[in-house]
């Protein structure tokens, strides 16, 4: 069995999620788009291509996310390179981008904490070329991936720095916006065993017993790096909205708001810091 049509028919008998991904895997192996597959069902794969397809399909059956198999993930209509060194960008994180673009900022200095593949920073850079964006991560591998994405997308208004949250940043150059999708899953959460999460970097997912350890650091530290009137925006878990709002209030933020994702779950919180640091 080495014809495109035969392979797609066989994949259709697999579980629903893998069956949906099989054409994408096959298109990746053949370096074609999915429509080409259905236009050329009699095309025969050579032995090398067939072996690669079967290997990737088995890895998908074993639970490895599609993005790691193809090395690509779309975010905010951008084609991003991803590897197992970075968290896979997710649609709900686009809420952060939408909220940031809704702020009345002109020549803004923006800080993206824990940039990973660079998804948030690159989405903002593509929409606001006049913003100056600093993107940080503690992982050298993540920064290398973000740099590759910035180069591929020709984003010239981004600089990348290695830092653990605010540790290596200077306070004398404050930002109008700090934005972050930090780890926020509680250690031991059973969801960590589902949806391909065992294949993603644990350090980018978990943050202490309640999932709030990194959010506490970010919210408490942000005022020292914000212009008066600057904004902090963070993503968090669906059951963390109230706790994150309390953190914002304790740190002196005003106009604090939590927005929900498409499934009506608390997903991002933001607020304005109007005091002088």
Protein backbone atom coordinates (compact mmCIF):
# COMPACT_ATOMS: atom_id res chain seq x y z
CA UNK A 1 0.00 0.00 0.00
CA UNK A 2 1.82 3.10 -1.20
CA UNK A 3 -0.73 5.14 -3.13
CA UNK A 4 -1.97 8.43 -1.67
CA UNK A 5 -5.62 7.37 -1.89
CA UNK A 6 -4.94 4.03 -0.21
CA UNK A 7 -3.02 5.64 2.64
CA UNK A 8 -5.75 8.20 3.26
CA UNK A 9 -8.43 5.51 3.21
CA UNK A 10 -6.50 3.42 5.72
CA UNK A 11 -5.94 6.44 7.99
CA UNK A 12 -9.68 7.19 8.00
CA UNK A 13 -10.21 4.01 10.03
CA UNK A 14 -8.01 5.30 12.88
CA UNK A 15 -9.29 7.29 15.84
CA UNK A 16 -10.98 10.56 14.87
CA UNK A 17 -8.17 12.93 15.90
CA UNK A 18 -5.40 11.00 14.16
CA UNK A 19 -7.57 10.42 11.08
CA UNK A 20 -8.00 14.19 10.77
CA UNK A 21 -4.25 14.76 11.06
CA UNK A 22 -3.13 12.01 8.69
CA UNK A 23 -3.65 14.07 5.49
CA UNK A 24 -1.63 16.90 7.03
CA UNK A 25 1.18 14.49 7.86
CA UNK A 26 1.12 13.02 4.36
CA UNK A 27 1.07 16.48 2.79
CA UNK A 28 4.06 17.44 4.96
CA UNK A 29 6.02 14.37 3.86
CA UNK A 30 5.28 15.02 0.18
CA UNK A 31 5.71 18.80 0.53
CA UNK A 32 2.33 19.38 -1.05
CA UNK A 33 -0.87 20.99 0.16
CA UNK A 34 -3.79 18.87 1.26
CA UNK A 35 -5.86 19.60 -1.84
CA UNK A 36 -3.10 18.06 -3.96
CA UNK A 37 -3.55 14.75 -2.15
CA UNK A 38 -7.17 14.45 -3.21
CA UNK A 39 -6.36 15.52 -6.76
CA UNK A 40 -3.70 12.80 -7.11
CA UNK A 41 -4.96 9.69 -5.25
CA UNK A 42 -3.01 7.37 -7.57
CA UNK A 43 0.35 8.98 -6.79
CA UNK A 44 2.77 6.37 -5.41
CA UNK A 45 5.13 7.18 -2.56
CA UNK A 46 8.68 5.93 -2.86
CA UNK A 47 10.06 3.75 -0.09
CA UNK A 48 11.70 6.65 1.75
CA UNK A 49 8.59 8.81 1.77
CA UNK A 50 6.42 5.88 2.79
CA UNK A 51 8.71 5.04 5.71
CA UNK A 52 8.71 8.67 6.86
CA UNK A 53 4.92 8.88 6.68
CA UNK A 54 4.44 5.63 8.60
CA UNK A 55 6.92 6.73 11.26
CA UNK A 56 5.24 10.11 11.76
CA UNK A 57 1.78 8.54 11.77
CA UNK A 58 2.85 6.10 14.49
CA UNK A 59 4.25 8.95 16.57
CA UNK A 60 0.92 10.72 16.23
CA UNK A 61 -0.88 7.55 17.33
CA UNK A 62 1.43 7.53 20.35
CA UNK A 63 0.14 10.98 21.29
CA UNK A 64 2.85 13.28 19.97
CA UNK A 65 1.34 16.61 18.86
CA UNK A 66 1.03 17.26 15.14
CA UNK A 67 2.99 20.51 15.41
CA UNK A 68 6.08 18.66 16.62
CA UNK A 69 5.79 16.18 13.76
CA UNK A 70 5.58 18.82 11.04
CA UNK A 71 7.66 21.47 12.82
CA UNK A 72 5.04 24.14 12.13
CA UNK A 73 2.07 25.77 13.85
CA UNK A 74 -0.13 28.63 12.69
CA UNK A 75 -0.69 31.47 15.14
CA UNK A 76 -2.39 34.77 14.27
CA UNK A 77 -2.14 33.71 10.59
CA UNK A 78 1.64 33.43 10.98
CA UNK A 79 3.43 30.19 10.09
CA UNK A 80 5.68 29.53 13.09
CA UNK A 81 8.44 26.98 13.45
CA UNK A 82 8.13 24.90 16.62
CA UNK A 83 10.14 22.18 18.31
CA UNK A 84 9.69 20.17 21.52
CA UNK A 85 11.84 22.85 23.21
CA UNK A 86 8.89 25.26 23.09
CA UNK A 87 5.26 25.19 24.05
CA UNK A 88 2.95 24.84 21.06
CA UNK A 89 1.12 28.17 20.45
CA UNK A 90 -2.59 27.82 21.09
CA UNK A 91 -5.62 29.69 19.71
CA UNK A 92 -6.69 30.96 23.13
CA UNK A 93 -3.42 32.87 23.44
CA UNK A 94 -4.57 35.02 20.52
CA UNK A 95 -6.86 36.69 23.10
CA UNK A 96 -3.74 38.33 24.54
CA UNK A 97 -2.81 39.66 21.11
CA UNK A 98 -6.35 40.99 20.53
CA UNK A 99 -6.40 42.74 23.90
CA UNK A 100 -2.96 44.27 23.38
CA UNK A 101 -3.90 45.60 19.94
CA UNK A 102 -6.96 47.23 21.50
CA UNK A 103 -4.86 49.45 23.76
CA UNK A 104 -4.37 53.11 22.76
CA UNK A 105 -0.60 52.81 22.37
CA UNK A 106 1.47 54.54 19.71
CA UNK A 107 5.29 54.32 19.90
CA UNK A 108 5.13 51.66 22.59
CA UNK A 109 7.91 49.71 24.25
CA UNK A 110 6.57 46.20 24.86
CA UNK A 111 7.97 43.33 26.93
CA UNK A 112 6.95 39.74 26.18
CA UNK A 113 7.97 37.54 29.11
CA UNK A 114 8.55 33.84 28.40
CA UNK A 115 8.30 34.21 24.64
CA UNK A 116 8.87 30.54 23.71
CA UNK A 117 8.59 30.29 19.93
CA UNK A 118 8.01 34.06 19.80
CA UNK A 119 4.32 33.72 18.96
CA UNK A 120 2.96 36.71 20.91
CA UNK A 121 5.87 39.01 20.13
CA UNK A 122 5.78 38.19 16.42
CA UNK A 123 2.01 38.63 16.18
CA UNK A 124 2.30 42.06 17.78
CA UNK A 125 5.29 42.95 15.62
CA UNK A 126 3.38 42.04 12.47
CA UNK A 127 0.45 44.27 13.43
CA UNK A 128 2.38 47.14 15.04
CA UNK A 129 5.70 47.60 13.20
CA UNK A 130 6.26 50.88 15.08
CA UNK A 131 6.27 49.12 18.46
CA UNK A 132 9.63 48.17 19.95
CA UNK A 133 9.31 44.68 21.39
CA UNK A 134 11.65 42.91 23.78
CA UNK A 135 11.01 39.17 24.07
CA UNK A 136 12.65 37.13 26.81
CA UNK A 137 12.97 33.49 27.80
CA UNK A 138 15.16 31.52 30.19
CA UNK A 139 15.59 28.75 27.61
CA UNK A 140 18.39 29.19 25.07
CA UNK A 141 16.66 26.68 22.77
CA UNK A 142 13.44 28.68 22.89
CA UNK A 143 15.29 31.90 22.07
CA UNK A 144 16.98 30.21 19.13
CA UNK A 145 13.59 29.14 17.81
CA UNK A 146 12.15 32.62 18.34
CA UNK A 147 15.12 34.09 16.47
CA UNK A 148 14.54 31.72 13.55
CA UNK A 149 10.88 32.70 13.41
CA UNK A 150 11.73 36.39 13.56
CA UNK A 151 14.16 35.94 10.68
CA UNK A 152 11.68 33.95 8.58
CA UNK A 153 8.97 36.55 9.15
CA UNK A 154 11.40 39.45 8.65
CA UNK A 155 10.44 41.00 11.98
CA UNK A 156 12.95 43.77 12.57
CA UNK A 157 11.32 45.44 15.59
CA UNK A 158 12.04 42.60 18.04
CA UNK A 159 15.06 42.00 20.23
CA UNK A 160 15.55 38.75 22.13
CA UNK A 161 17.09 38.50 25.59
CA UNK A 162 17.77 35.62 27.96
CA UNK A 163 16.15 36.34 31.30
CA UNK A 164 14.18 34.54 33.99
CA UNK A 165 11.21 36.88 34.13
CA UNK A 166 12.62 40.27 35.25
CA UNK A 167 15.94 38.97 36.57
CA UNK A 168 18.27 40.38 33.89
CA UNK A 169 16.22 43.40 32.79
CA UNK A 170 16.97 47.05 33.54
CA UNK A 171 14.47 49.25 35.34
CA UNK A 172 15.69 52.44 33.66
CA UNK A 173 13.88 51.63 30.41
CA UNK A 174 10.24 51.11 31.40
CA UNK A 175 7.58 49.61 29.15
CA UNK A 176 4.09 50.71 28.18
CA UNK A 177 2.97 47.07 28.00
CA UNK A 178 4.16 43.85 29.62
CA UNK A 179 2.52 40.73 28.23
CA UNK A 180 3.01 37.08 29.13
CA UNK A 181 1.66 33.56 28.72
CA UNK A 182 3.54 31.98 31.63
CA UNK A 183 3.31 28.44 33.02
CA UNK A 184 0.07 28.22 35.02
CA UNK A 185 -0.83 24.54 35.37
CA UNK A 186 -0.70 23.09 38.88
CA UNK A 187 1.84 20.35 39.45
CA UNK A 188 0.10 16.99 39.40
CA UNK A 189 -2.89 18.26 37.43
CA UNK A 190 -4.35 15.21 35.60
CA UNK A 191 -4.70 17.27 32.41
CA UNK A 192 -0.91 17.10 32.08
CA UNK A 193 -1.36 13.51 30.93
CA UNK A 194 -3.77 14.44 28.12
CA UNK A 195 -3.80 16.09 24.70
CA UNK A 196 -0.12 15.62 23.95
CA UNK A 197 1.01 17.60 27.00
CA UNK A 198 3.47 14.88 28.12
CA UNK A 199 5.46 15.73 24.98
CA UNK A 200 5.65 19.47 25.73
CA UNK A 201 8.30 21.04 28.01
CA UNK A 202 7.13 20.73 31.62
CA UNK A 203 8.91 23.95 32.59
CA UNK A 204 6.64 25.85 30.19
CA UNK A 205 3.49 24.33 31.69
CA UNK A 206 3.65 23.91 35.47
CA UNK A 207 4.13 26.50 38.20
CA UNK A 208 3.90 25.10 41.70
CA UNK A 209 1.11 23.41 43.64
CA UNK A 210 -1.57 25.89 42.56
CA UNK A 211 -0.13 26.92 39.19
CA UNK A 212 0.31 30.53 40.33
CA UNK A 213 4.00 30.68 41.25
CA UNK A 214 5.17 32.40 38.07
CA UNK A 215 2.10 34.62 37.87
CA UNK A 216 2.88 35.88 41.38
CA UNK A 217 6.42 36.84 40.30
CA UNK A 218 5.23 38.55 37.12
CA UNK A 219 2.37 40.53 38.68
CA UNK A 220 4.39 41.62 41.72
CA UNK A 221 7.43 42.57 39.63
CA UNK A 222 5.72 44.31 36.74
CA UNK A 223 5.17 47.73 38.42
CA UNK A 224 8.92 48.24 38.65
CA UNK A 225 9.23 47.93 34.87
CA UNK A 226 6.15 49.84 33.72
CA UNK A 227 5.64 53.46 32.78
CA UNK A 228 2.92 55.12 34.86
CA UNK A 229 -0.23 54.25 32.96
CA UNK A 230 1.36 51.10 31.56
CA UNK A 231 -0.45 47.80 31.20
CA UNK A 232 0.15 44.21 32.27
CA UNK A 233 -1.60 41.35 30.45
CA UNK A 234 -1.33 37.66 31.32
CA UNK A 235 -2.88 34.39 30.30
CA UNK A 236 -3.96 31.98 33.03
CA UNK A 237 -6.03 28.89 33.74
CA UNK A 238 -9.82 28.81 33.49
CA UNK A 239 -10.21 28.53 37.28
CA UNK A 240 -7.62 31.18 38.18
CA UNK A 241 -9.39 34.39 37.18
CA UNK A 242 -10.40 35.47 40.69
CA UNK A 243 -7.00 34.62 42.16
CA UNK A 244 -5.16 36.53 39.42
CA UNK A 245 -7.41 39.58 39.88
CA UNK A 246 -6.51 39.55 43.57
CA UNK A 247 -2.80 39.48 42.65
CA UNK A 248 -3.32 42.49 40.35
CA UNK A 249 -5.17 44.38 43.07
CA UNK A 250 -2.53 43.66 45.67
CA UNK A 251 0.17 44.96 43.30
CA UNK A 252 -1.67 48.26 42.78
CA UNK A 253 -3.20 47.70 39.34
CA UNK A 254 -6.41 49.47 38.40
CA UNK A 255 -9.11 48.85 35.80
CA UNK A 256 -8.45 45.13 36.23
CA UNK A 257 -10.45 42.96 33.85
CA UNK A 258 -10.68 39.26 33.05
CA UNK A 259 -11.81 38.11 29.61
CA UNK A 260 -13.09 34.70 28.63
CA UNK A 261 -12.21 32.48 25.70
CA UNK A 262 -14.65 31.15 23.11
CA UNK A 263 -15.78 28.45 25.54
CA UNK A 264 -16.62 31.12 28.13
CA UNK A 265 -13.78 30.22 30.44
CA UNK A 266 -11.64 32.82 32.21
CA UNK A 267 -8.47 33.06 30.13
CA UNK A 268 -6.67 36.43 30.32
CA UNK A 269 -6.48 39.23 32.89
CA UNK A 270 -5.06 42.71 32.46
CA UNK A 271 -4.81 45.97 34.34
CA UNK A 272 -3.28 49.44 34.30
CA UNK A 273 -0.59 50.66 36.69
CA UNK A 274 -0.94 54.40 37.12
CA UNK A 275 1.46 54.99 39.99
CA UNK A 276 5.13 55.91 39.65
CA UNK A 277 7.36 52.85 40.29
